[in-house]
Amino acid sequence: MLLPPLEFMNEDPDAPVDEVLRTGGRRTAFRSAHGITHVTVLVISDFDPDPVYEVSHSSFVEPKPGDRRPLWESTTLHHVLDEALTTMQQVHFDPPIDEETTPGTA
């Protein structure tokens, strides 16, 4: 399946991803669809001695402000930036959530 490109919300979109991460920054993608909010974050979590890239994803519903109900969370570690970006895109746009059977999403 062809997924759309990630749009990062908190950094200069023209800055190279590896440069942003190596200087302590992060790449954060946010989207909301069908009442579900998806937040995916990419950071360097460690150097071993090369960078270890951490992709964290959270999906939740918020029926009313302040009433956040988690649906799915995941964290994966990668030693190759391209693999981390591919995983980030996959979990951001196609997380393993069944919207018809997940409480609060139908």
PDB file of N, CA and C in Angstrom:
ATOM      1  N   MET A   1       0.842  -1.161   0.000  1.00  0.00           N
ATOM      2  CA  MET A   1       0.000   0.000   0.000  1.00  0.00           C
ATOM      3  C   MET A   1       0.897   1.237   0.000  1.00  0.00           C
ATOM      4  N   LEU A   2       0.574   2.182  -0.866  1.00  0.00           N
ATOM      5  CA  LEU A   2       1.312   3.430  -0.939  1.00  0.00           C
ATOM      6  C   LEU A   2       0.765   4.375   0.117  1.00  0.00           C
ATOM      7  N   LEU A   3       1.632   4.809   1.024  1.00  0.00           N
ATOM      8  CA  LEU A   3       1.219   5.693   2.105  1.00  0.00           C
ATOM      9  C   LEU A   3       1.643   7.123   1.795  1.00  0.00           C
ATOM     10  N   PRO A   4       0.875   8.102   2.274  1.00  0.00           N
ATOM     11  CA  PRO A   4       1.270   9.491   2.027  1.00  0.00           C
ATOM     12  C   PRO A   4       2.548   9.839   2.789  1.00  0.00           C
ATOM     13  N   PRO A   5       3.221  10.902   2.372  1.00  0.00           N
ATOM     14  CA  PRO A   5       4.434  11.298   3.099  1.00  0.00           C
ATOM     15  C   PRO A   5       4.072  11.846   4.475  1.00  0.00           C
ATOM     16  N   LEU A   6       5.004  11.711   5.392  1.00  0.00           N
ATOM     17  CA  LEU A   6       4.815  12.260   6.730  1.00  0.00           C
ATOM     18  C   LEU A   6       4.992  13.770   6.688  1.00  0.00           C
ATOM     19  N   GLU A   7       4.162  14.470   7.434  1.00  0.00           N
ATOM     20  CA  GLU A   7       4.328  15.910   7.600  1.00  0.00           C
ATOM     21  C   GLU A   7       4.684  16.135   9.061  1.00  0.00           C
ATOM     22  N   PHE A   8       5.841  16.721   9.296  1.00  0.00           N
ATOM     23  CA  PHE A   8       6.306  16.923  10.664  1.00  0.00           C
ATOM     24  C   PHE A   8       5.817  18.268  11.177  1.00  0.00           C
ATOM     25  N   MET A   9       5.328  18.275  12.407  1.00  0.00           N
ATOM     26  CA  MET A   9       4.653  19.459  12.915  1.00  0.00           C
ATOM     27  C   MET A   9       5.517  20.423  13.705  1.00  0.00           C
ATOM     28  N   ASN A  10       6.659  20.027  14.198  1.00  0.00           N
ATOM     29  CA  ASN A  10       7.354  20.907  15.129  1.00  0.00           C
ATOM     30  C   ASN A  10       8.770  21.281  14.726  1.00  0.00           C
ATOM     31  N   GLU A  11       9.140  21.064  13.480  1.00  0.00           N
ATOM     32  CA  GLU A  11      10.485  21.398  13.052  1.00  0.00           C
ATOM     33  C   GLU A  11      10.460  21.986  11.654  1.00  0.00           C
ATOM     34  N   ASP A  12      11.587  22.519  11.257  1.00  0.00           N
ATOM     35  CA  ASP A  12      11.765  23.011   9.901  1.00  0.00           C
ATOM     36  C   ASP A  12      11.651  21.824   8.945  1.00  0.00           C
ATOM     37  N   PRO A  13      10.633  21.811   8.085  1.00  0.00           N
ATOM     38  CA  PRO A  13      10.442  20.655   7.198  1.00  0.00           C
ATOM     39  C   PRO A  13      11.568  20.453   6.194  1.00  0.00           C
ATOM     40  N   ASP A  14      12.364  21.494   5.956  1.00  0.00           N
ATOM     41  CA  ASP A  14      13.461  21.383   4.998  1.00  0.00           C
ATOM     42  C   ASP A  14      14.758  20.899   5.621  1.00  0.00           C
ATOM     43  N   ALA A  15      14.813  20.855   6.952  1.00  0.00           N
ATOM     44  CA  ALA A  15      16.030  20.396   7.630  1.00  0.00           C
ATOM     45  C   ALA A  15      16.162  18.885   7.473  1.00  0.00           C
ATOM     46  N   PRO A  16      17.360  18.392   7.194  1.00  0.00           N
ATOM     47  CA  PRO A  16      17.550  16.942   7.083  1.00  0.00           C
ATOM     48  C   PRO A  16      17.204  16.246   8.404  1.00  0.00           C
ATOM     49  N   VAL A  17      16.479  15.143   8.307  1.00  0.00           N
ATOM     50  CA  VAL A  17      16.025  14.425   9.498  1.00  0.00           C
ATOM     51  C   VAL A  17      17.195  14.023  10.386  1.00  0.00           C
ATOM     52  N   ASP A  18      18.251  13.467   9.793  1.00  0.00           N
ATOM     53  CA  ASP A  18      19.369  13.015  10.624  1.00  0.00           C
ATOM     54  C   ASP A  18      20.022  14.175  11.367  1.00  0.00           C
ATOM     55  N   GLU A  19      20.075  15.350  10.743  1.00  0.00           N
ATOM     56  CA  GLU A  19      20.655  16.521  11.412  1.00  0.00           C
ATOM     57  C   GLU A  19      19.791  16.959  12.595  1.00  0.00           C
ATOM     58  N   VAL A  20      18.481  16.982  12.407  1.00  0.00           N
ATOM     59  CA  VAL A  20      17.558  17.356  13.480  1.00  0.00           C
ATOM     60  C   VAL A  20      17.713  16.399  14.660  1.00  0.00           C
ATOM     61  N   LEU A  21      17.758  15.099  14.374  1.00  0.00           N
ATOM     62  CA  LEU A  21      17.850  14.105  15.436  1.00  0.00           C
ATOM     63  C   LEU A  21      19.196  14.166  16.159  1.00  0.00           C
ATOM     64  N   ARG A  22      20.275  14.324  15.426  1.00  0.00           N
ATOM     65  CA  ARG A  22      21.609  14.343  16.044  1.00  0.00           C
ATOM     66  C   ARG A  22      21.831  15.564  16.936  1.00  0.00           C
ATOM     67  N   THR A  23      21.047  16.605  16.735  1.00  0.00           N
ATOM     68  CA  THR A  23      21.185  17.794  17.578  1.00  0.00           C
ATOM     69  C   THR A  23      20.165  17.795  18.716  1.00  0.00           C
ATOM     70  N   GLY A  24      19.587  16.623  18.996  1.00  0.00           N
ATOM     71  CA  GLY A  24      18.671  16.495  20.131  1.00  0.00           C
ATOM     72  C   GLY A  24      17.221  16.783  19.807  1.00  0.00           C
ATOM     73  N   GLY A  25      16.923  17.019  18.537  1.00  0.00           N
ATOM     74  CA  GLY A  25      15.553  17.297  18.141  1.00  0.00           C
ATOM     75  C   GLY A  25      14.756  16.020  17.937  1.00  0.00           C
ATOM     76  N   ARG A  26      13.547  16.194  17.525  1.00  0.00           N
ATOM     77  CA  ARG A  26      12.663  15.063  17.248  1.00  0.00           C
ATOM     78  C   ARG A  26      11.825  15.393  16.028  1.00  0.00           C
ATOM     79  N   ARG A  27      11.289  14.367  15.446  1.00  0.00           N
ATOM     80  CA  ARG A  27      10.322  14.529  14.371  1.00  0.00           C
ATOM     81  C   ARG A  27       8.999  14.005  14.909  1.00  0.00           C
ATOM     82  N   THR A  28       7.975  14.847  14.855  1.00  0.00           N
ATOM     83  CA  THR A  28       6.665  14.477  15.374  1.00  0.00           C
ATOM     84  C   THR A  28       5.634  14.636  14.266  1.00  0.00           C
ATOM     85  N   ALA A  29       4.846  13.592  14.067  1.00  0.00           N
ATOM     86  CA  ALA A  29       3.750  13.633  13.099  1.00  0.00           C
ATOM     87  C   ALA A  29       2.439  13.478  13.868  1.00  0.00           C
ATOM     88  N   PHE A  30       1.426  14.233  13.467  1.00  0.00           N
ATOM     89  CA  PHE A  30       0.140  14.245  14.146  1.00  0.00           C
ATOM     90  C   PHE A  30      -0.948  14.207  13.087  1.00  0.00           C
ATOM     91  N   ARG A  31      -1.962  13.400  13.321  1.00  0.00           N
ATOM     92  CA  ARG A  31      -3.126  13.424  12.432  1.00  0.00           C
ATOM     93  C   ARG A  31      -4.339  12.944  13.201  1.00  0.00           C
ATOM     94  N   SER A  32      -5.497  13.335  12.733  1.00  0.00           N
ATOM     95  CA  SER A  32      -6.751  12.905  13.338  1.00  0.00           C
ATOM     96  C   SER A  32      -7.668  12.451  12.215  1.00  0.00           C
ATOM     97  N   ALA A  33      -8.235  11.259  12.375  1.00  0.00           N
ATOM     98  CA  ALA A  33      -9.133  10.709  11.357  1.00  0.00           C
ATOM     99  C   ALA A  33     -10.160   9.811  12.026  1.00  0.00           C
ATOM    100  N   HIS A  34     -11.416   9.951  11.632  1.00  0.00           N
ATOM    101  CA  HIS A  34     -12.498   9.106  12.133  1.00  0.00           C
ATOM    102  C   HIS A  34     -12.575   9.131  13.660  1.00  0.00           C
ATOM    103  N   GLY A  35     -12.293  10.283  14.266  1.00  0.00           N
ATOM    104  CA  GLY A  35     -12.374  10.415  15.709  1.00  0.00           C
ATOM    105  C   GLY A  35     -11.180   9.869  16.468  1.00  0.00           C
ATOM    106  N   ILE A  36     -10.175   9.395  15.751  1.00  0.00           N
ATOM    107  CA  ILE A  36      -8.977   8.843  16.383  1.00  0.00           C
ATOM    108  C   ILE A  36      -7.807   9.781  16.106  1.00  0.00           C
ATOM    109  N   THR A  37      -7.045  10.090  17.139  1.00  0.00           N
ATOM    110  CA  THR A  37      -5.861  10.917  16.996  1.00  0.00           C
ATOM    111  C   THR A  37      -4.640  10.012  17.007  1.00  0.00           C
ATOM    112  N   HIS A  38      -3.721  10.278  16.104  1.00  0.00           N
ATOM    113  CA  HIS A  38      -2.483   9.508  15.985  1.00  0.00           C
ATOM    114  C   HIS A  38      -1.302  10.453  16.162  1.00  0.00           C
ATOM    115  N   VAL A  39      -0.391  10.105  17.071  1.00  0.00           N
ATOM    116  CA  VAL A  39       0.823  10.886  17.284  1.00  0.00           C
ATOM    117  C   VAL A  39       2.001   9.926  17.180  1.00  0.00           C
ATOM    118  N   THR A  40       2.952  10.244  16.311  1.00  0.00           N
ATOM    119  CA  THR A  40       4.118   9.393  16.102  1.00  0.00           C
ATOM    120  C   THR A  40       5.368  10.253  16.239  1.00  0.00           C
ATOM    121  N   VAL A  41       6.332   9.764  17.026  1.00  0.00           N
ATOM    122  CA  VAL A  41       7.535  10.545  17.327  1.00  0.00           C
ATOM    123  C   VAL A  41       8.773   9.714  17.000  1.00  0.00           C
ATOM    124  N   LEU A  42       9.768  10.371  16.393  1.00  0.00           N
ATOM    125  CA  LEU A  42      11.046   9.744  16.083  1.00  0.00           C
ATOM    126  C   LEU A  42      12.142  10.530  16.795  1.00  0.00           C
ATOM    127  N   VAL A  43      12.961   9.840  17.580  1.00  0.00           N
ATOM    128  CA  VAL A  43      14.098  10.453  18.287  1.00  0.00           C
ATOM    129  C   VAL A  43      15.276   9.491  18.245  1.00  0.00           C
ATOM    130  N   ILE A  44      16.445  10.002  18.602  1.00  0.00           N
ATOM    131  CA  ILE A  44      17.579   9.115  18.852  1.00  0.00           C
ATOM    132  C   ILE A  44      17.540   8.813  20.340  1.00  0.00           C
ATOM    133  N   SER A  45      17.384   7.551  20.687  1.00  0.00           N
ATOM    134  CA  SER A  45      17.258   7.186  22.099  1.00  0.00           C
ATOM    135  C   SER A  45      18.589   6.811  22.727  1.00  0.00           C
ATOM    136  N   ASP A  46      19.588   6.498  21.897  1.00  0.00           N
ATOM    137  CA  ASP A  46      20.862   6.037  22.438  1.00  0.00           C
ATOM    138  C   ASP A  46      21.907   6.052  21.319  1.00  0.00           C
ATOM    139  N   PHE A  47      23.139   5.936  21.697  1.00  0.00           N
ATOM    140  CA  PHE A  47      24.232   5.725  20.750  1.00  0.00           C
ATOM    141  C   PHE A  47      24.940   4.455  21.189  1.00  0.00           C
ATOM    142  N   ASP A  48      25.078   3.497  20.259  1.00  0.00           N
ATOM    143  CA  ASP A  48      25.562   2.169  20.657  1.00  0.00           C
ATOM    144  C   ASP A  48      26.563   1.572  19.675  1.00  0.00           C
ATOM    145  N   PRO A  49      27.647   2.076  19.258  1.00  0.00           N
ATOM    146  CA  PRO A  49      28.071   3.477  19.291  1.00  0.00           C
ATOM    147  C   PRO A  49      27.347   4.317  18.243  1.00  0.00           C
ATOM    148  N   ASP A  50      26.658   3.674  17.302  1.00  0.00           N
ATOM    149  CA  ASP A  50      25.892   4.410  16.293  1.00  0.00           C
ATOM    150  C   ASP A  50      24.516   4.745  16.864  1.00  0.00           C
ATOM    151  N   PRO A  51      23.807   5.669  16.230  1.00  0.00           N
ATOM    152  CA  PRO A  51      22.494   6.060  16.747  1.00  0.00           C
ATOM    153  C   PRO A  51      21.507   4.892  16.778  1.00  0.00           C
ATOM    154  N   VAL A  52      20.700   4.888  17.820  1.00  0.00           N
ATOM    155  CA  VAL A  52      19.562   3.973  17.920  1.00  0.00           C
ATOM    156  C   VAL A  52      18.323   4.859  17.809  1.00  0.00           C
ATOM    157  N   TYR A  53      17.533   4.635  16.759  1.00  0.00           N
ATOM    158  CA  TYR A  53      16.364   5.454  16.487  1.00  0.00           C
ATOM    159  C   TYR A  53      15.133   4.819  17.137  1.00  0.00           C
ATOM    160  N   GLU A  54      14.384   5.621  17.867  1.00  0.00           N
ATOM    161  CA  GLU A  54      13.184   5.135  18.555  1.00  0.00           C
ATOM    162  C   GLU A  54      11.955   5.752  17.898  1.00  0.00           C
ATOM    163  N   VAL A  55      11.033   4.884  17.501  1.00  0.00           N
ATOM    164  CA  VAL A  55       9.759   5.322  16.937  1.00  0.00           C
ATOM    165  C   VAL A  55       8.683   4.977  17.957  1.00  0.00           C
ATOM    166  N   SER A  56       7.985   6.001  18.448  1.00  0.00           N
ATOM    167  CA  SER A  56       6.890   5.798  19.400  1.00  0.00           C
ATOM    168  C   SER A  56       5.601   6.264  18.756  1.00  0.00           C
ATOM    169  N   HIS A  57       4.566   5.449  18.897  1.00  0.00           N
ATOM    170  CA  HIS A  57       3.265   5.801  18.315  1.00  0.00           C
ATOM    171  C   HIS A  57       2.187   5.633  19.375  1.00  0.00           C
ATOM    172  N   SER A  58       1.238   6.558  19.366  1.00  0.00           N
ATOM    173  CA  SER A  58       0.096   6.493  20.270  1.00  0.00           C
ATOM    174  C   SER A  58      -1.159   6.849  19.485  1.00  0.00           C
ATOM    175  N   SER A  59      -2.186   6.042  19.635  1.00  0.00           N
ATOM    176  CA  SER A  59      -3.483   6.331  19.042  1.00  0.00           C
ATOM    177  C   SER A  59      -4.495   6.404  20.175  1.00  0.00           C
ATOM    178  N   PHE A  60      -5.383   7.391  20.113  1.00  0.00           N
ATOM    179  CA  PHE A  60      -6.364   7.548  21.191  1.00  0.00           C
ATOM    180  C   PHE A  60      -7.603   8.266  20.689  1.00  0.00           C
ATOM    181  N   VAL A  61      -8.680   8.137  21.445  1.00  0.00           N
ATOM    182  CA  VAL A  61      -9.890   8.920  21.219  1.00  0.00           C
ATOM    183  C   VAL A  61     -10.024   9.860  22.414  1.00  0.00           C
ATOM    184  N   GLU A  62     -10.664  10.986  22.177  1.00  0.00           N
ATOM    185  CA  GLU A  62     -10.905  11.963  23.240  1.00  0.00           C
ATOM    186  C   GLU A  62     -12.349  12.441  23.075  1.00  0.00           C
ATOM    187  N   PRO A  63     -13.311  11.656  23.649  1.00  0.00           N
ATOM    188  CA  PRO A  63     -14.720  11.987  23.462  1.00  0.00           C
ATOM    189  C   PRO A  63     -15.076  13.390  23.951  1.00  0.00           C
ATOM    190  N   LYS A  64     -14.386  13.849  24.984  1.00  0.00           N
ATOM    191  CA  LYS A  64     -14.543  15.227  25.450  1.00  0.00           C
ATOM    192  C   LYS A  64     -13.184  15.692  25.957  1.00  0.00           C
ATOM    193  N   PRO A  65     -12.930  16.979  25.930  1.00  0.00           N
ATOM    194  CA  PRO A  65     -11.616  17.489  26.335  1.00  0.00           C
ATOM    195  C   PRO A  65     -11.181  16.944  27.702  1.00  0.00           C
ATOM    196  N   GLY A  66      -9.956  16.434  27.730  1.00  0.00           N
ATOM    197  CA  GLY A  66      -9.400  15.894  28.967  1.00  0.00           C
ATOM    198  C   GLY A  66      -9.745  14.443  29.224  1.00  0.00           C
ATOM    199  N   ASP A  67     -10.614  13.853  28.418  1.00  0.00           N
ATOM    200  CA  ASP A  67     -11.020  12.449  28.594  1.00  0.00           C
ATOM    201  C   ASP A  67     -10.370  11.611  27.493  1.00  0.00           C
ATOM    202  N   ARG A  68      -9.059  11.473  27.565  1.00  0.00           N
ATOM    203  CA  ARG A  68      -8.291  10.752  26.555  1.00  0.00           C
ATOM    204  C   ARG A  68      -8.320   9.262  26.857  1.00  0.00           C
ATOM    205  N   ARG A  69      -8.702   8.465  25.864  1.00  0.00           N
ATOM    206  CA  ARG A  69      -8.765   7.010  26.010  1.00  0.00           C
ATOM    207  C   ARG A  69      -7.801   6.356  25.030  1.00  0.00           C
ATOM    208  N   PRO A  70      -6.695   5.800  25.555  1.00  0.00           N
ATOM    209  CA  PRO A  70      -5.703   5.163  24.672  1.00  0.00           C
ATOM    210  C   PRO A  70      -6.295   3.965  23.940  1.00  0.00           C
ATOM    211  N   LEU A  71      -5.898   3.813  22.689  1.00  0.00           N
ATOM    212  CA  LEU A  71      -6.328   2.672  21.890  1.00  0.00           C
ATOM    213  C   LEU A  71      -5.161   1.738  21.598  1.00  0.00           C
ATOM    214  N   TRP A  72      -4.016   2.327  21.289  1.00  0.00           N
ATOM    215  CA  TRP A  72      -2.875   1.508  20.894  1.00  0.00           C
ATOM    216  C   TRP A  72      -1.608   2.318  21.072  1.00  0.00           C
ATOM    217  N   GLU A  73      -0.572   1.674  21.593  1.00  0.00           N
ATOM    218  CA  GLU A  73       0.734   2.308  21.745  1.00  0.00           C
ATOM    219  C   GLU A  73       1.804   1.314  21.334  1.00  0.00           C
ATOM    220  N   SER A  74       2.879   1.830  20.748  1.00  0.00           N
ATOM    221  CA  SER A  74       3.990   0.959  20.384  1.00  0.00           C
ATOM    222  C   SER A  74       5.280   1.757  20.400  1.00  0.00           C
ATOM    223  N   THR A  75       6.365   1.058  20.609  1.00  0.00           N
ATOM    224  CA  THR A  75       7.702   1.635  20.516  1.00  0.00           C
ATOM    225  C   THR A  75       8.588   0.607  19.845  1.00  0.00           C
ATOM    226  N   THR A  76       9.327   1.044  18.837  1.00  0.00           N
ATOM    227  CA  THR A  76      10.283   0.167  18.168  1.00  0.00           C
ATOM    228  C   THR A  76      11.625   0.868  18.092  1.00  0.00           C
ATOM    229  N   LEU A  77      12.686   0.073  18.085  1.00  0.00           N
ATOM    230  CA  LEU A  77      14.052   0.595  17.982  1.00  0.00           C
ATOM    231  C   LEU A  77      14.665   0.145  16.668  1.00  0.00           C
ATOM    232  N   HIS A  78      15.450   1.026  16.060  1.00  0.00           N
ATOM    233  CA  HIS A  78      16.062   0.745  14.763  1.00  0.00           C
ATOM    234  C   HIS A  78      17.491   1.267  14.753  1.00  0.00           C
ATOM    235  N   HIS A  79      18.355   0.593  14.011  1.00  0.00           N
ATOM    236  CA  HIS A  79      19.734   1.037  13.865  1.00  0.00           C
ATOM    237  C   HIS A  79      19.978   1.728  12.523  1.00  0.00           C
ATOM    238  N   VAL A  80      18.964   1.724  11.660  1.00  0.00           N
ATOM    239  CA  VAL A  80      19.076   2.351  10.340  1.00  0.00           C
ATOM    240  C   VAL A  80      17.959   3.389  10.219  1.00  0.00           C
ATOM    241  N   LEU A  81      18.325   4.629   9.902  1.00  0.00           N
ATOM    242  CA  LEU A  81      17.349   5.711   9.839  1.00  0.00           C
ATOM    243  C   LEU A  81      16.238   5.432   8.835  1.00  0.00           C
ATOM    244  N   ASP A  82      16.568   4.925   7.653  1.00  0.00           N
ATOM    245  CA  ASP A  82      15.534   4.655   6.650  1.00  0.00           C
ATOM    246  C   ASP A  82      14.507   3.648   7.161  1.00  0.00           C
ATOM    247  N   GLU A  83      14.959   2.638   7.896  1.00  0.00           N
ATOM    248  CA  GLU A  83      14.023   1.668   8.478  1.00  0.00           C
ATOM    249  C   GLU A  83      13.134   2.337   9.521  1.00  0.00           C
ATOM    250  N   ALA A  84      13.706   3.218  10.325  1.00  0.00           N
ATOM    251  CA  ALA A  84      12.927   3.935  11.333  1.00  0.00           C
ATOM    252  C   ALA A  84      11.865   4.811  10.673  1.00  0.00           C
ATOM    253  N   LEU A  85      12.241   5.514   9.595  1.00  0.00           N
ATOM    254  CA  LEU A  85      11.281   6.363   8.897  1.00  0.00           C
ATOM    255  C   LEU A  85      10.174   5.548   8.232  1.00  0.00           C
ATOM    256  N   THR A  86      10.522   4.398   7.682  1.00  0.00           N
ATOM    257  CA  THR A  86       9.514   3.521   7.077  1.00  0.00           C
ATOM    258  C   THR A  86       8.536   3.025   8.136  1.00  0.00           C
ATOM    259  N   THR A  87       9.062   2.605   9.290  1.00  0.00           N
ATOM    260  CA  THR A  87       8.196   2.158  10.384  1.00  0.00           C
ATOM    261  C   THR A  87       7.320   3.302  10.865  1.00  0.00           C
ATOM    262  N   MET A  88       7.913   4.476  10.999  1.00  0.00           N
ATOM    263  CA  MET A  88       7.152   5.642  11.454  1.00  0.00           C
ATOM    264  C   MET A  88       5.977   5.912  10.528  1.00  0.00           C
ATOM    265  N   GLN A  89       6.227   5.889   9.235  1.00  0.00           N
ATOM    266  CA  GLN A  89       5.167   6.130   8.258  1.00  0.00           C
ATOM    267  C   GLN A  89       4.103   5.036   8.330  1.00  0.00           C
ATOM    268  N   GLN A  90       4.525   3.789   8.461  1.00  0.00           N
ATOM    269  CA  GLN A  90       3.582   2.667   8.501  1.00  0.00           C
ATOM    270  C   GLN A  90       2.668   2.751   9.722  1.00  0.00           C
ATOM    271  N   VAL A  91       3.230   2.917  10.912  1.00  0.00           N
ATOM    272  CA  VAL A  91       2.379   2.940  12.107  1.00  0.00           C
ATOM    273  C   VAL A  91       1.554   4.217  12.186  1.00  0.00           C
ATOM    274  N   HIS A  92       2.034   5.296  11.567  1.00  0.00           N
ATOM    275  CA  HIS A  92       1.285   6.552  11.616  1.00  0.00           C
ATOM    276  C   HIS A  92       0.036   6.491  10.739  1.00  0.00           C
ATOM    277  N   PHE A  93       0.175   5.931   9.555  1.00  0.00           N
ATOM    278  CA  PHE A  93      -0.951   5.916   8.623  1.00  0.00           C
ATOM    279  C   PHE A  93      -1.728   4.610   8.610  1.00  0.00           C
ATOM    280  N   ASP A  94      -1.170   3.548   9.130  1.00  0.00           N
ATOM    281  CA  ASP A  94      -1.857   2.256   9.086  1.00  0.00           C
ATOM    282  C   ASP A  94      -1.611   1.466  10.368  1.00  0.00           C
ATOM    283  N   PRO A  95      -1.961   2.054  11.536  1.00  0.00           N
ATOM    284  CA  PRO A  95      -1.745   1.322  12.789  1.00  0.00           C
ATOM    285  C   PRO A  95      -2.700   0.135  12.863  1.00  0.00           C
ATOM    286  N   PRO A  96      -2.331  -0.889  13.605  1.00  0.00           N
ATOM    287  CA  PRO A  96      -3.189  -2.087  13.687  1.00  0.00           C
ATOM    288  C   PRO A  96      -4.368  -1.883  14.628  1.00  0.00           C
ATOM    289  N   ILE A  97      -5.244  -0.944  14.273  1.00  0.00           N
ATOM    290  CA  ILE A  97      -6.449  -0.673  15.059  1.00  0.00           C
ATOM    291  C   ILE A  97      -7.645  -1.066  14.216  1.00  0.00           C
ATOM    292  N   ASP A  98      -8.540  -1.836  14.778  1.00  0.00           N
ATOM    293  CA  ASP A  98      -9.773  -2.189  14.103  1.00  0.00           C
ATOM    294  C   ASP A  98     -10.831  -1.200  14.560  1.00  0.00           C
ATOM    295  N   GLU A  99     -11.134  -0.196  13.744  1.00  0.00           N
ATOM    296  CA  GLU A  99     -12.039   0.867  14.141  1.00  0.00           C
ATOM    297  C   GLU A  99     -13.455   0.368  14.392  1.00  0.00           C
ATOM    298  N   GLU A 100     -13.839  -0.767  13.817  1.00  0.00           N
ATOM    299  CA  GLU A 100     -15.198  -1.267  14.027  1.00  0.00           C
ATOM    300  C   GLU A 100     -15.345  -1.989  15.362  1.00  0.00           C
ATOM    301  N   THR A 101     -14.264  -2.530  15.908  1.00  0.00           N
ATOM    302  CA  THR A 101     -14.385  -3.286  17.153  1.00  0.00           C
ATOM    303  C   THR A 101     -13.677  -2.627  18.326  1.00  0.00           C
ATOM    304  N   THR A 102     -12.983  -1.517  18.099  1.00  0.00           N
ATOM    305  CA  THR A 102     -12.308  -0.820  19.182  1.00  0.00           C
ATOM    306  C   THR A 102     -13.321   0.073  19.882  1.00  0.00           C
ATOM    307  N   PRO A 103     -13.511  -0.078  21.194  1.00  0.00           N
ATOM    308  CA  PRO A 103     -14.498   0.747  21.909  1.00  0.00           C
ATOM    309  C   PRO A 103     -14.236   2.226  21.705  1.00  0.00           C
ATOM    310  N   GLY A 104     -15.323   2.962  21.460  1.00  0.00           N
ATOM    311  CA  GLY A 104     -15.223   4.404  21.328  1.00  0.00           C
ATOM    312  C   GLY A 104     -14.848   4.893  19.947  1.00  0.00           C
ATOM    313  N   THR A 105     -14.700   3.987  18.971  1.00  0.00           N
ATOM    314  CA  THR A 105     -14.275   4.435  17.645  1.00  0.00           C
ATOM    315  C   THR A 105     -15.338   4.196  16.578  1.00  0.00           C
ATOM    316  N   ALA A 106     -16.340   3.413  16.843  1.00  0.00           N
ATOM    317  CA  ALA A 106     -17.340   3.096  15.814  1.00  0.00           C
ATOM    318  C   ALA A 106     -18.350   4.213  15.683  1.00  0.00           C
TER     319      ALA A 106
END
